[in-house]
N, C-alpha and C. Protein backbone atom coordinates (compact mmCIF):
# COMPACT_ATOMS: atom_id res chain seq x y z
N MET A 1 -28.25 -18.07 -11.94
CA MET A 1 -28.71 -17.70 -13.27
C MET A 1 -28.79 -16.18 -13.45
N PRO A 2 -29.27 -15.41 -12.45
CA PRO A 2 -29.31 -13.96 -12.64
C PRO A 2 -27.92 -13.36 -12.86
N ASN A 3 -26.88 -13.94 -12.24
CA ASN A 3 -25.53 -13.41 -12.45
C ASN A 3 -25.07 -13.64 -13.89
N LEU A 4 -25.44 -14.76 -14.48
CA LEU A 4 -25.09 -15.03 -15.87
C LEU A 4 -25.79 -14.04 -16.79
N ILE A 5 -27.04 -13.74 -16.52
CA ILE A 5 -27.77 -12.77 -17.33
C ILE A 5 -27.15 -11.39 -17.18
N SER A 6 -26.76 -11.02 -15.96
CA SER A 6 -26.10 -9.73 -15.74
C SER A 6 -24.77 -9.66 -16.48
N LEU A 7 -24.03 -10.75 -16.46
CA LEU A 7 -22.74 -10.78 -17.16
C LEU A 7 -22.93 -10.67 -18.67
N LEU A 8 -23.92 -11.36 -19.21
CA LEU A 8 -24.18 -11.28 -20.64
C LEU A 8 -24.68 -9.89 -21.04
N THR A 9 -25.48 -9.27 -20.19
CA THR A 9 -25.95 -7.91 -20.45
C THR A 9 -24.78 -6.93 -20.44
N PHE A 10 -23.87 -7.10 -19.49
CA PHE A 10 -22.69 -6.25 -19.41
C PHE A 10 -21.83 -6.42 -20.66
N ALA A 11 -21.63 -7.66 -21.10
CA ALA A 11 -20.83 -7.92 -22.29
C ALA A 11 -21.49 -7.32 -23.53
N ALA A 12 -22.79 -7.41 -23.63
CA ALA A 12 -23.49 -6.82 -24.77
C ALA A 12 -23.38 -5.30 -24.76
N ALA A 13 -23.44 -4.69 -23.59
CA ALA A 13 -23.30 -3.24 -23.48
C ALA A 13 -21.90 -2.80 -23.87
N VAL A 14 -20.90 -3.54 -23.43
CA VAL A 14 -19.51 -3.22 -23.79
C VAL A 14 -19.33 -3.32 -25.30
N PHE A 15 -19.88 -4.36 -25.90
CA PHE A 15 -19.78 -4.52 -27.35
C PHE A 15 -20.48 -3.37 -28.08
N ALA A 16 -21.66 -2.97 -27.59
CA ALA A 16 -22.39 -1.88 -28.23
C ALA A 16 -21.62 -0.57 -28.15
N VAL A 17 -21.02 -0.29 -27.01
CA VAL A 17 -20.23 0.93 -26.86
C VAL A 17 -19.01 0.87 -27.77
N TRP A 18 -18.36 -0.28 -27.84
CA TRP A 18 -17.20 -0.44 -28.73
C TRP A 18 -17.60 -0.19 -30.18
N LEU A 19 -18.75 -0.71 -30.56
CA LEU A 19 -19.23 -0.54 -31.93
C LEU A 19 -19.50 0.93 -32.24
N VAL A 20 -20.10 1.64 -31.31
CA VAL A 20 -20.36 3.07 -31.50
C VAL A 20 -19.04 3.83 -31.64
N PHE A 21 -18.06 3.49 -30.82
CA PHE A 21 -16.75 4.14 -30.91
C PHE A 21 -16.10 3.87 -32.26
N LYS A 22 -16.22 2.66 -32.75
CA LYS A 22 -15.64 2.32 -34.06
C LYS A 22 -16.35 3.05 -35.19
N ILE A 23 -17.66 3.13 -35.11
CA ILE A 23 -18.43 3.78 -36.17
C ILE A 23 -18.10 5.27 -36.25
N PHE A 24 -18.01 5.93 -35.10
CA PHE A 24 -17.77 7.36 -35.08
C PHE A 24 -16.29 7.73 -34.95
N SER A 25 -15.42 6.75 -34.99
CA SER A 25 -13.97 6.94 -34.95
C SER A 25 -13.48 7.71 -33.73
N PHE A 26 -14.05 7.42 -32.57
CA PHE A 26 -13.55 7.99 -31.33
C PHE A 26 -12.23 7.32 -30.98
N PRO A 27 -11.38 8.00 -30.25
CA PRO A 27 -10.13 7.37 -29.84
C PRO A 27 -10.40 6.15 -28.97
N ILE A 28 -9.70 5.08 -29.26
CA ILE A 28 -9.90 3.82 -28.54
C ILE A 28 -9.43 3.95 -27.09
N LYS A 29 -8.55 4.92 -26.82
CA LYS A 29 -8.07 5.14 -25.45
C LYS A 29 -9.23 5.52 -24.53
N ILE A 30 -10.16 6.33 -25.02
CA ILE A 30 -11.32 6.72 -24.22
C ILE A 30 -12.19 5.50 -23.96
N PHE A 31 -12.33 4.63 -24.95
CA PHE A 31 -13.13 3.42 -24.77
C PHE A 31 -12.56 2.54 -23.66
N PHE A 32 -11.23 2.33 -23.68
CA PHE A 32 -10.63 1.48 -22.67
C PHE A 32 -10.70 2.12 -21.28
N ARG A 33 -10.61 3.44 -21.21
CA ARG A 33 -10.76 4.11 -19.92
C ARG A 33 -12.17 3.90 -19.37
N MET A 34 -13.18 4.02 -20.25
CA MET A 34 -14.56 3.79 -19.83
C MET A 34 -14.77 2.32 -19.45
N LEU A 35 -14.16 1.41 -20.18
CA LEU A 35 -14.29 -0.01 -19.89
C LEU A 35 -13.71 -0.36 -18.53
N ILE A 36 -12.53 0.16 -18.24
CA ILE A 36 -11.90 -0.10 -16.94
C ILE A 36 -12.75 0.49 -15.83
N ASN A 37 -13.28 1.69 -16.04
CA ASN A 37 -14.14 2.33 -15.05
C ASN A 37 -15.40 1.49 -14.81
N ALA A 38 -15.98 0.96 -15.87
CA ALA A 38 -17.18 0.13 -15.74
C ALA A 38 -16.88 -1.17 -14.99
N ILE A 39 -15.76 -1.78 -15.28
CA ILE A 39 -15.40 -3.03 -14.61
C ILE A 39 -15.16 -2.79 -13.12
N ILE A 40 -14.42 -1.72 -12.80
CA ILE A 40 -14.17 -1.40 -11.39
C ILE A 40 -15.48 -1.12 -10.67
N GLY A 41 -16.38 -0.37 -11.28
CA GLY A 41 -17.68 -0.07 -10.66
C GLY A 41 -18.50 -1.33 -10.43
N ALA A 42 -18.51 -2.23 -11.40
CA ALA A 42 -19.29 -3.47 -11.26
C ALA A 42 -18.71 -4.38 -10.19
N VAL A 43 -17.39 -4.48 -10.13
CA VAL A 43 -16.76 -5.32 -9.12
C VAL A 43 -17.01 -4.76 -7.72
N ILE A 44 -16.91 -3.46 -7.57
CA ILE A 44 -17.15 -2.86 -6.25
C ILE A 44 -18.61 -3.03 -5.85
N LEU A 45 -19.53 -2.88 -6.78
CA LEU A 45 -20.95 -3.07 -6.48
C LEU A 45 -21.23 -4.50 -6.06
N LEU A 46 -20.67 -5.47 -6.76
CA LEU A 46 -20.86 -6.87 -6.39
C LEU A 46 -20.19 -7.20 -5.06
N ALA A 47 -18.99 -6.66 -4.83
CA ALA A 47 -18.30 -6.91 -3.56
C ALA A 47 -19.06 -6.28 -2.40
N PHE A 48 -19.60 -5.07 -2.62
CA PHE A 48 -20.38 -4.43 -1.56
C PHE A 48 -21.61 -5.26 -1.23
N ASN A 49 -22.28 -5.79 -2.25
CA ASN A 49 -23.45 -6.63 -1.99
C ASN A 49 -23.05 -7.93 -1.28
N PHE A 50 -21.91 -8.48 -1.62
CA PHE A 50 -21.46 -9.71 -0.97
C PHE A 50 -21.20 -9.47 0.52
N PHE A 51 -20.43 -8.42 0.82
CA PHE A 51 -20.11 -8.15 2.22
C PHE A 51 -21.25 -7.42 2.93
N GLY A 52 -22.06 -6.68 2.20
CA GLY A 52 -23.20 -6.00 2.80
C GLY A 52 -24.29 -6.97 3.22
N ASN A 53 -24.32 -8.12 2.60
CA ASN A 53 -25.30 -9.14 2.97
C ASN A 53 -25.07 -9.62 4.39
N ILE A 54 -23.84 -9.57 4.84
CA ILE A 54 -23.51 -9.99 6.20
C ILE A 54 -24.17 -9.07 7.23
N ILE A 55 -24.15 -7.75 6.96
CA ILE A 55 -24.74 -6.80 7.91
C ILE A 55 -26.18 -6.46 7.56
N GLY A 56 -26.68 -6.98 6.47
CA GLY A 56 -28.08 -6.78 6.11
C GLY A 56 -28.34 -5.55 5.27
N PHE A 57 -27.34 -5.02 4.60
CA PHE A 57 -27.51 -3.85 3.73
C PHE A 57 -26.98 -4.17 2.36
N THR A 58 -27.88 -4.34 1.40
CA THR A 58 -27.47 -4.63 0.03
C THR A 58 -28.08 -3.60 -0.91
N ILE A 59 -27.51 -3.51 -2.07
CA ILE A 59 -28.01 -2.61 -3.10
C ILE A 59 -28.62 -3.47 -4.20
N PRO A 60 -29.89 -3.25 -4.53
CA PRO A 60 -30.46 -4.03 -5.63
C PRO A 60 -29.79 -3.67 -6.94
N ILE A 61 -29.35 -4.67 -7.67
CA ILE A 61 -28.66 -4.42 -8.93
C ILE A 61 -29.72 -4.36 -10.03
N THR A 62 -30.01 -3.14 -10.45
CA THR A 62 -30.96 -2.89 -11.53
C THR A 62 -30.20 -2.26 -12.67
N TRP A 63 -30.89 -1.96 -13.74
CA TRP A 63 -30.22 -1.33 -14.88
C TRP A 63 -29.71 0.06 -14.50
N LEU A 64 -30.43 0.76 -13.60
CA LEU A 64 -30.02 2.10 -13.20
C LEU A 64 -28.78 2.06 -12.31
N THR A 65 -28.74 1.17 -11.32
CA THR A 65 -27.57 1.10 -10.46
C THR A 65 -26.36 0.59 -11.24
N ALA A 66 -26.58 -0.34 -12.16
CA ALA A 66 -25.47 -0.82 -13.00
C ALA A 66 -24.95 0.28 -13.91
N LEU A 67 -25.85 1.10 -14.44
CA LEU A 67 -25.44 2.21 -15.30
C LEU A 67 -24.64 3.24 -14.51
N ILE A 68 -25.11 3.59 -13.33
CA ILE A 68 -24.40 4.58 -12.50
C ILE A 68 -23.04 4.04 -12.09
N ALA A 69 -22.98 2.79 -11.65
CA ALA A 69 -21.70 2.20 -11.25
C ALA A 69 -20.76 2.06 -12.44
N GLY A 70 -21.30 1.76 -13.60
CA GLY A 70 -20.47 1.58 -14.79
C GLY A 70 -19.93 2.88 -15.34
N VAL A 71 -20.72 3.93 -15.32
CA VAL A 71 -20.29 5.19 -15.88
C VAL A 71 -19.38 5.95 -14.92
N PHE A 72 -19.76 5.97 -13.65
CA PHE A 72 -19.02 6.79 -12.68
C PHE A 72 -18.02 6.01 -11.84
N GLY A 73 -18.07 4.69 -11.88
CA GLY A 73 -17.09 3.88 -11.15
C GLY A 73 -17.25 3.99 -9.65
N ILE A 74 -16.14 4.19 -8.94
CA ILE A 74 -16.14 4.23 -7.48
C ILE A 74 -17.02 5.36 -6.94
N PRO A 75 -16.92 6.60 -7.46
CA PRO A 75 -17.81 7.65 -6.94
C PRO A 75 -19.29 7.34 -7.18
N GLY A 76 -19.59 6.65 -8.27
CA GLY A 76 -20.97 6.27 -8.54
C GLY A 76 -21.51 5.28 -7.52
N VAL A 77 -20.68 4.30 -7.16
CA VAL A 77 -21.10 3.33 -6.14
C VAL A 77 -21.27 4.04 -4.80
N GLY A 78 -20.37 4.96 -4.50
CA GLY A 78 -20.51 5.74 -3.27
C GLY A 78 -21.79 6.54 -3.25
N ALA A 79 -22.15 7.14 -4.38
CA ALA A 79 -23.40 7.90 -4.47
C ALA A 79 -24.61 6.99 -4.30
N ILE A 80 -24.55 5.80 -4.85
CA ILE A 80 -25.66 4.85 -4.70
C ILE A 80 -25.80 4.45 -3.23
N ILE A 81 -24.68 4.19 -2.56
CA ILE A 81 -24.73 3.82 -1.15
C ILE A 81 -25.34 4.94 -0.31
N ILE A 82 -24.88 6.16 -0.56
CA ILE A 82 -25.43 7.30 0.19
C ILE A 82 -26.92 7.45 -0.07
N TYR A 83 -27.32 7.32 -1.33
CA TYR A 83 -28.73 7.43 -1.67
C TYR A 83 -29.55 6.34 -0.96
N MET A 84 -29.04 5.10 -0.97
CA MET A 84 -29.78 4.01 -0.32
C MET A 84 -29.84 4.20 1.19
N LEU A 85 -28.84 4.83 1.79
CA LEU A 85 -28.88 5.10 3.23
C LEU A 85 -29.85 6.21 3.57
N LEU A 86 -29.94 7.22 2.71
CA LEU A 86 -30.84 8.35 2.98
C LEU A 86 -32.30 8.05 2.64
N PHE A 87 -32.51 7.30 1.56
CA PHE A 87 -33.87 6.99 1.11
C PHE A 87 -34.04 5.48 0.98
N PRO A 88 -34.28 4.80 2.09
CA PRO A 88 -34.37 3.33 2.03
C PRO A 88 -35.58 2.82 1.34
């Protein structure tokens, strides 16, 4: 059930960003670049938690970690991992 809520929250955020882009007439190319970056960040975060569970190191998926992974993509997930290793 928490994964369904996370997925619905992600979909609502994507829709809200799309709506803002449409209202302010930003180029749609930037929106799709941000969308792809967000999807890659979310998939890597979920995959890391899946495989990290085996070794006992997971990242709690909160609104902040989802935001960082969504905005910054792969470097954001790397920054979250480094932060969690330094400050457990």
